[in-house]
Amino acid sequence: MKKKVLIMGGGGNASVIAFAIIDASKRWNSELEFVGYINDRDNVSEIEGYPVIGGLRDIPDLIREDYYFINSIGK
């Protein structure tokens, strides 16, 4: 079973990482599957066509649901 990956952030670095995971999955059958973003912006339900699954406050619950995370939030 693939590891479901959520990326914290949106646009910029987060999208570059997301597309790298998607590409690796297509080319080499990677064990990672990009499923969406974690983002706290109001009224943002998707980024680059992928869903915003929740905000930072939702991470403890998502960990229990076996999601993995990559942080792309800078500064």
PDB file of N, CA and C in Angstrom:
ATOM      1  N   MET A   1       0.836  -1.174   0.000  1.00  0.00           N
ATOM      2  CA  MET A   1       0.000   0.000   0.000  1.00  0.00           C
ATOM      3  C   MET A   1       0.889   1.249   0.000  1.00  0.00           C
ATOM      4  N   LYS A   2       0.513   2.228  -0.797  1.00  0.00           N
ATOM      5  CA  LYS A   2       1.295   3.454  -0.882  1.00  0.00           C
ATOM      6  C   LYS A   2       1.083   4.325   0.346  1.00  0.00           C
ATOM      7  N   LYS A   3       2.112   5.092   0.672  1.00  0.00           N
ATOM      8  CA  LYS A   3       2.033   6.046   1.779  1.00  0.00           C
ATOM      9  C   LYS A   3       1.376   7.321   1.269  1.00  0.00           C
ATOM     10  N   LYS A   4       0.289   7.735   1.920  1.00  0.00           N
ATOM     11  CA  LYS A   4      -0.445   8.936   1.525  1.00  0.00           C
ATOM     12  C   LYS A   4       0.283  10.165   2.076  1.00  0.00           C
ATOM     13  N   VAL A   5       0.698  11.049   1.174  1.00  0.00           N
ATOM     14  CA  VAL A   5       1.495  12.211   1.553  1.00  0.00           C
ATOM     15  C   VAL A   5       0.673  13.489   1.410  1.00  0.00           C
ATOM     16  N   LEU A   6       0.712  14.306   2.455  1.00  0.00           N
ATOM     17  CA  LEU A   6       0.144  15.647   2.439  1.00  0.00           C
ATOM     18  C   LEU A   6       1.292  16.637   2.568  1.00  0.00           C
ATOM     19  N   ILE A   7       1.214  17.722   1.813  1.00  0.00           N
ATOM     20  CA  ILE A   7       2.265  18.730   1.871  1.00  0.00           C
ATOM     21  C   ILE A   7       1.727  19.960   2.569  1.00  0.00           C
ATOM     22  N   MET A   8       2.465  20.403   3.578  1.00  0.00           N
ATOM     23  CA  MET A   8       2.088  21.607   4.321  1.00  0.00           C
ATOM     24  C   MET A   8       2.598  22.812   3.554  1.00  0.00           C
ATOM     25  N   GLY A   9       1.678  23.670   3.153  1.00  0.00           N
ATOM     26  CA  GLY A   9       2.024  24.851   2.381  1.00  0.00           C
ATOM     27  C   GLY A   9       1.100  24.947   1.186  1.00  0.00           C
ATOM     28  N   GLY A  10       1.502  25.717   0.206  1.00  0.00           N
ATOM     29  CA  GLY A  10       0.679  25.844  -0.985  1.00  0.00           C
ATOM     30  C   GLY A  10       1.378  26.659  -2.046  1.00  0.00           C
ATOM     31  N   GLY A  11       1.289  26.210  -3.272  1.00  0.00           N
ATOM     32  CA  GLY A  11       1.966  26.899  -4.349  1.00  0.00           C
ATOM     33  C   GLY A  11       3.473  26.863  -4.149  1.00  0.00           C
ATOM     34  N   GLY A  12       4.215  27.428  -5.039  1.00  0.00           N
ATOM     35  CA  GLY A  12       5.669  27.519  -4.892  1.00  0.00           C
ATOM     36  C   GLY A  12       6.331  26.192  -4.606  1.00  0.00           C
ATOM     37  N   ASN A  13       7.091  26.136  -3.515  1.00  0.00           N
ATOM     38  CA  ASN A  13       7.833  24.925  -3.153  1.00  0.00           C
ATOM     39  C   ASN A  13       6.926  23.722  -2.948  1.00  0.00           C
ATOM     40  N   ALA A  14       5.770  23.934  -2.352  1.00  0.00           N
ATOM     41  CA  ALA A  14       4.853  22.818  -2.103  1.00  0.00           C
ATOM     42  C   ALA A  14       4.434  22.155  -3.411  1.00  0.00           C
ATOM     43  N   SER A  15       4.126  22.956  -4.410  1.00  0.00           N
ATOM     44  CA  SER A  15       3.709  22.397  -5.696  1.00  0.00           C
ATOM     45  C   SER A  15       4.855  21.683  -6.401  1.00  0.00           C
ATOM     46  N   VAL A  16       6.054  22.222  -6.303  1.00  0.00           N
ATOM     47  CA  VAL A  16       7.212  21.555  -6.908  1.00  0.00           C
ATOM     48  C   VAL A  16       7.400  20.172  -6.285  1.00  0.00           C
ATOM     49  N   ILE A  17       7.302  20.094  -4.971  1.00  0.00           N
ATOM     50  CA  ILE A  17       7.438  18.809  -4.280  1.00  0.00           C
ATOM     51  C   ILE A  17       6.307  17.867  -4.686  1.00  0.00           C
ATOM     52  N   ALA A  18       5.087  18.393  -4.734  1.00  0.00           N
ATOM     53  CA  ALA A  18       3.933  17.566  -5.114  1.00  0.00           C
ATOM     54  C   ALA A  18       4.121  16.965  -6.497  1.00  0.00           C
ATOM     55  N   PHE A  19       4.512  17.790  -7.457  1.00  0.00           N
ATOM     56  CA  PHE A  19       4.670  17.295  -8.818  1.00  0.00           C
ATOM     57  C   PHE A  19       5.836  16.321  -8.940  1.00  0.00           C
ATOM     58  N   ALA A  20       6.860  16.473  -8.119  1.00  0.00           N
ATOM     59  CA  ALA A  20       7.967  15.505  -8.108  1.00  0.00           C
ATOM     60  C   ALA A  20       7.480  14.144  -7.606  1.00  0.00           C
ATOM     61  N   ILE A  21       6.649  14.149  -6.572  1.00  0.00           N
ATOM     62  CA  ILE A  21       6.097  12.887  -6.049  1.00  0.00           C
ATOM     63  C   ILE A  21       5.191  12.238  -7.099  1.00  0.00           C
ATOM     64  N   ILE A  22       4.348  13.043  -7.731  1.00  0.00           N
ATOM     65  CA  ILE A  22       3.448  12.516  -8.763  1.00  0.00           C
ATOM     66  C   ILE A  22       4.247  11.919  -9.913  1.00  0.00           C
ATOM     67  N   ASP A  23       5.271  12.624 -10.356  1.00  0.00           N
ATOM     68  CA  ASP A  23       6.108  12.143 -11.454  1.00  0.00           C
ATOM     69  C   ASP A  23       6.824  10.849 -11.086  1.00  0.00           C
ATOM     70  N   ALA A  24       7.390  10.798  -9.893  1.00  0.00           N
ATOM     71  CA  ALA A  24       8.096   9.585  -9.452  1.00  0.00           C
ATOM     72  C   ALA A  24       7.140   8.402  -9.366  1.00  0.00           C
ATOM     73  N   SER A  25       5.926   8.665  -8.941  1.00  0.00           N
ATOM     74  CA  SER A  25       4.938   7.597  -8.839  1.00  0.00           C
ATOM     75  C   SER A  25       4.597   7.030 -10.221  1.00  0.00           C
ATOM     76  N   LYS A  26       4.495   7.913 -11.210  1.00  0.00           N
ATOM     77  CA  LYS A  26       4.191   7.472 -12.574  1.00  0.00           C
ATOM     78  C   LYS A  26       5.366   6.741 -13.212  1.00  0.00           C
ATOM     79  N   ARG A  27       6.577   7.260 -13.007  1.00  0.00           N
ATOM     80  CA  ARG A  27       7.747   6.702 -13.684  1.00  0.00           C
ATOM     81  C   ARG A  27       8.293   5.442 -13.031  1.00  0.00           C
ATOM     82  N   TRP A  28       8.325   5.432 -11.713  1.00  0.00           N
ATOM     83  CA  TRP A  28       9.030   4.357 -11.012  1.00  0.00           C
ATOM     84  C   TRP A  28       8.179   3.630  -9.984  1.00  0.00           C
ATOM     85  N   ASN A  29       6.882   3.806 -10.027  1.00  0.00           N
ATOM     86  CA  ASN A  29       6.002   3.133  -9.079  1.00  0.00           C
ATOM     87  C   ASN A  29       6.441   3.392  -7.641  1.00  0.00           C
ATOM     88  N   SER A  30       6.664   4.644  -7.327  1.00  0.00           N
ATOM     89  CA  SER A  30       7.096   5.070  -5.994  1.00  0.00           C
ATOM     90  C   SER A  30       6.117   4.600  -4.930  1.00  0.00           C
ATOM     91  N   GLU A  31       6.614   4.429  -3.726  1.00  0.00           N
ATOM     92  CA  GLU A  31       5.737   4.034  -2.618  1.00  0.00           C
ATOM     93  C   GLU A  31       4.954   5.219  -2.051  1.00  0.00           C
ATOM     94  N   LEU A  32       5.207   6.420  -2.570  1.00  0.00           N
ATOM     95  CA  LEU A  32       4.519   7.620  -2.095  1.00  0.00           C
ATOM     96  C   LEU A  32       3.384   7.997  -3.037  1.00  0.00           C
ATOM     97  N   GLU A  33       2.294   8.491  -2.453  1.00  0.00           N
ATOM     98  CA  GLU A  33       1.172   8.980  -3.231  1.00  0.00           C
ATOM     99  C   GLU A  33       0.788  10.359  -2.704  1.00  0.00           C
ATOM    100  N   PHE A  34       0.937  11.372  -3.526  1.00  0.00           N
ATOM    101  CA  PHE A  34       0.526  12.721  -3.128  1.00  0.00           C
ATOM    102  C   PHE A  34      -0.994  12.792  -3.171  1.00  0.00           C
ATOM    103  N   VAL A  35      -1.610  13.199  -2.040  1.00  0.00           N
ATOM    104  CA  VAL A  35      -3.073  13.248  -1.991  1.00  0.00           C
ATOM    105  C   VAL A  35      -3.631  14.637  -1.734  1.00  0.00           C
ATOM    106  N   GLY A  36      -2.806  15.607  -1.351  1.00  0.00           N
ATOM    107  CA  GLY A  36      -3.323  16.952  -1.151  1.00  0.00           C
ATOM    108  C   GLY A  36      -2.429  17.792  -0.263  1.00  0.00           C
ATOM    109  N   TYR A  37      -2.975  18.935   0.115  1.00  0.00           N
ATOM    110  CA  TYR A  37      -2.235  19.935   0.878  1.00  0.00           C
ATOM    111  C   TYR A  37      -2.840  20.154   2.262  1.00  0.00           C
ATOM    112  N   ILE A  38      -2.001  20.649   3.150  1.00  0.00           N
ATOM    113  CA  ILE A  38      -2.418  21.200   4.436  1.00  0.00           C
ATOM    114  C   ILE A  38      -2.183  22.698   4.321  1.00  0.00           C
ATOM    115  N   ASN A  39      -3.239  23.493   4.495  1.00  0.00           N
ATOM    116  CA  ASN A  39      -3.116  24.924   4.281  1.00  0.00           C
ATOM    117  C   ASN A  39      -4.137  25.648   5.146  1.00  0.00           C
ATOM    118  N   ASP A  40      -3.715  26.717   5.803  1.00  0.00           N
ATOM    119  CA  ASP A  40      -4.596  27.468   6.700  1.00  0.00           C
ATOM    120  C   ASP A  40      -5.233  28.704   6.065  1.00  0.00           C
ATOM    121  N   ARG A  41      -5.030  28.923   4.786  1.00  0.00           N
ATOM    122  CA  ARG A  41      -5.667  30.077   4.141  1.00  0.00           C
ATOM    123  C   ARG A  41      -7.179  29.905   4.141  1.00  0.00           C
ATOM    124  N   ASP A  42      -7.889  30.974   4.422  1.00  0.00           N
ATOM    125  CA  ASP A  42      -9.355  30.937   4.412  1.00  0.00           C
ATOM    126  C   ASP A  42      -9.875  30.757   2.985  1.00  0.00           C
ATOM    127  N   ASN A  43     -10.921  29.976   2.871  1.00  0.00           N
ATOM    128  CA  ASN A  43     -11.634  29.782   1.599  1.00  0.00           C
ATOM    129  C   ASN A  43     -10.783  29.190   0.484  1.00  0.00           C
ATOM    130  N   VAL A  44      -9.782  28.407   0.828  1.00  0.00           N
ATOM    131  CA  VAL A  44      -8.985  27.708  -0.179  1.00  0.00           C
ATOM    132  C   VAL A  44      -9.308  26.226  -0.059  1.00  0.00           C
ATOM    133  N   SER A  45      -9.936  25.679  -1.099  1.00  0.00           N
ATOM    134  CA  SER A  45     -10.308  24.263  -1.050  1.00  0.00           C
ATOM    135  C   SER A  45      -9.430  23.395  -1.946  1.00  0.00           C
ATOM    136  N   GLU A  46      -8.666  24.040  -2.840  1.00  0.00           N
ATOM    137  CA  GLU A  46      -7.734  23.280  -3.665  1.00  0.00           C
ATOM    138  C   GLU A  46      -6.584  24.180  -4.104  1.00  0.00           C
ATOM    139  N   ILE A  47      -5.472  23.530  -4.402  1.00  0.00           N
ATOM    140  CA  ILE A  47      -4.279  24.210  -4.897  1.00  0.00           C
ATOM    141  C   ILE A  47      -3.764  23.394  -6.075  1.00  0.00           C
ATOM    142  N   GLU A  48      -3.573  24.055  -7.200  1.00  0.00           N
ATOM    143  CA  GLU A  48      -3.072  23.378  -8.411  1.00  0.00           C
ATOM    144  C   GLU A  48      -3.943  22.169  -8.780  1.00  0.00           C
ATOM    145  N   GLY A  49      -5.230  22.234  -8.460  1.00  0.00           N
ATOM    146  CA  GLY A  49      -6.140  21.145  -8.793  1.00  0.00           C
ATOM    147  C   GLY A  49      -6.189  20.011  -7.788  1.00  0.00           C
ATOM    148  N   TYR A  50      -5.446  20.108  -6.698  1.00  0.00           N
ATOM    149  CA  TYR A  50      -5.436  19.073  -5.662  1.00  0.00           C
ATOM    150  C   TYR A  50      -6.089  19.618  -4.397  1.00  0.00           C
ATOM    151  N   PRO A  51      -6.768  18.777  -3.640  1.00  0.00           N
ATOM    152  CA  PRO A  51      -7.547  19.266  -2.498  1.00  0.00           C
ATOM    153  C   PRO A  51      -6.702  19.728  -1.315  1.00  0.00           C
ATOM    154  N   VAL A  52      -7.243  20.700  -0.608  1.00  0.00           N
ATOM    155  CA  VAL A  52      -6.715  21.065   0.706  1.00  0.00           C
ATOM    156  C   VAL A  52      -7.470  20.183   1.687  1.00  0.00           C
ATOM    157  N   ILE A  53      -6.752  19.286   2.342  1.00  0.00           N
ATOM    158  CA  ILE A  53      -7.361  18.286   3.225  1.00  0.00           C
ATOM    159  C   ILE A  53      -7.692  18.875   4.587  1.00  0.00           C
ATOM    160  N   GLY A  54      -6.950  19.873   5.010  1.00  0.00           N
ATOM    161  CA  GLY A  54      -7.188  20.493   6.310  1.00  0.00           C
ATOM    162  C   GLY A  54      -6.137  21.542   6.595  1.00  0.00           C
ATOM    163  N   GLY A  55      -6.153  22.001   7.839  1.00  0.00           N
ATOM    164  CA  GLY A  55      -5.177  22.989   8.288  1.00  0.00           C
ATOM    165  C   GLY A  55      -4.196  22.361   9.267  1.00  0.00           C
ATOM    166  N   LEU A  56      -3.306  23.182   9.762  1.00  0.00           N
ATOM    167  CA  LEU A  56      -2.290  22.688  10.707  1.00  0.00           C
ATOM    168  C   LEU A  56      -2.932  22.052  11.932  1.00  0.00           C
ATOM    169  N   ARG A  57      -4.053  22.583  12.377  1.00  0.00           N
ATOM    170  CA  ARG A  57      -4.727  22.041  13.567  1.00  0.00           C
ATOM    171  C   ARG A  57      -5.245  20.607  13.351  1.00  0.00           C
ATOM    172  N   ASP A  58      -5.403  20.200  12.089  1.00  0.00           N
ATOM    173  CA  ASP A  58      -5.929  18.871  11.766  1.00  0.00           C
ATOM    174  C   ASP A  58      -4.865  17.782  11.728  1.00  0.00           C
ATOM    175  N   ILE A  59      -3.609  18.168  11.824  1.00  0.00           N
ATOM    176  CA  ILE A  59      -2.519  17.198  11.670  1.00  0.00           C
ATOM    177  C   ILE A  59      -2.584  16.049  12.675  1.00  0.00           C
ATOM    178  N   PRO A  60      -2.842  16.268  13.967  1.00  0.00           N
ATOM    179  CA  PRO A  60      -2.899  15.112  14.878  1.00  0.00           C
ATOM    180  C   PRO A  60      -3.906  14.041  14.437  1.00  0.00           C
ATOM    181  N   ASP A  61      -5.077  14.470  13.973  1.00  0.00           N
ATOM    182  CA  ASP A  61      -6.073  13.501  13.497  1.00  0.00           C
ATOM    183  C   ASP A  61      -5.608  12.807  12.222  1.00  0.00           C
ATOM    184  N   LEU A  62      -4.972  13.557  11.344  1.00  0.00           N
ATOM    185  CA  LEU A  62      -4.503  12.979  10.087  1.00  0.00           C
ATOM    186  C   LEU A  62      -3.361  11.993  10.309  1.00  0.00           C
ATOM    187  N   ILE A  63      -2.540  12.228  11.314  1.00  0.00           N
ATOM    188  CA  ILE A  63      -1.487  11.265  11.660  1.00  0.00           C
ATOM    189  C   ILE A  63      -2.123   9.935  12.058  1.00  0.00           C
ATOM    190  N   ARG A  64      -3.185  10.001  12.829  1.00  0.00           N
ATOM    191  CA  ARG A  64      -3.884   8.777  13.233  1.00  0.00           C
ATOM    192  C   ARG A  64      -4.519   8.054  12.042  1.00  0.00           C
ATOM    193  N   GLU A  65      -4.769   8.792  10.970  1.00  0.00           N
ATOM    194  CA  GLU A  65      -5.344   8.203   9.757  1.00  0.00           C
ATOM    195  C   GLU A  65      -4.254   7.743   8.785  1.00  0.00           C
ATOM    196  N   ASP A  66      -3.010   7.682   9.256  1.00  0.00           N
ATOM    197  CA  ASP A  66      -1.874   7.171   8.481  1.00  0.00           C
ATOM    198  C   ASP A  66      -1.450   8.046   7.310  1.00  0.00           C
ATOM    199  N   TYR A  67      -1.592   9.343   7.444  1.00  0.00           N
ATOM    200  CA  TYR A  67      -1.028  10.251   6.455  1.00  0.00           C
ATOM    201  C   TYR A  67       0.416  10.560   6.849  1.00  0.00           C
ATOM    202  N   TYR A  68       1.231  10.867   5.846  1.00  0.00           N
ATOM    203  CA  TYR A  68       2.604  11.328   6.046  1.00  0.00           C
ATOM    204  C   TYR A  68       2.672  12.771   5.574  1.00  0.00           C
ATOM    205  N   PHE A  69       3.648  13.521   6.077  1.00  0.00           N
ATOM    206  CA  PHE A  69       3.697  14.952   5.831  1.00  0.00           C
ATOM    207  C   PHE A  69       5.064  15.395   5.355  1.00  0.00           C
ATOM    208  N   ILE A  70       5.031  16.411   4.484  1.00  0.00           N
ATOM    209  CA  ILE A  70       6.243  17.119   4.087  1.00  0.00           C
ATOM    210  C   ILE A  70       5.976  18.590   4.354  1.00  0.00           C
ATOM    211  N   ASN A  71       6.890  19.245   5.051  1.00  0.00           N
ATOM    212  CA  ASN A  71       6.739  20.659   5.367  1.00  0.00           C
ATOM    213  C   ASN A  71       7.434  21.483   4.292  1.00  0.00           C
ATOM    214  N   SER A  72       6.673  22.385   3.668  1.00  0.00           N
ATOM    215  CA  SER A  72       7.285  23.310   2.711  1.00  0.00           C
ATOM    216  C   SER A  72       7.043  24.759   3.121  1.00  0.00           C
ATOM    217  N   ILE A  73       6.619  24.944   4.350  1.00  0.00           N
ATOM    218  CA  ILE A  73       6.354  26.299   4.867  1.00  0.00           C
ATOM    219  C   ILE A  73       7.693  26.922   5.226  1.00  0.00           C
ATOM    220  N   GLY A  74       7.993  28.037   4.576  1.00  0.00           N
ATOM    221  CA  GLY A  74       9.263  28.707   4.810  1.00  0.00           C
ATOM    222  C   GLY A  74       9.162  29.779   5.874  1.00  0.00           C
ATOM    223  N   LYS A  75      10.313  30.261   6.288  1.00  0.00           N
ATOM    224  CA  LYS A  75      10.442  31.365   7.227  1.00  0.00           C
ATOM    225  C   LYS A  75       9.937  30.960   8.582  1.00  0.00           C
TER     226      LYS A  75
END
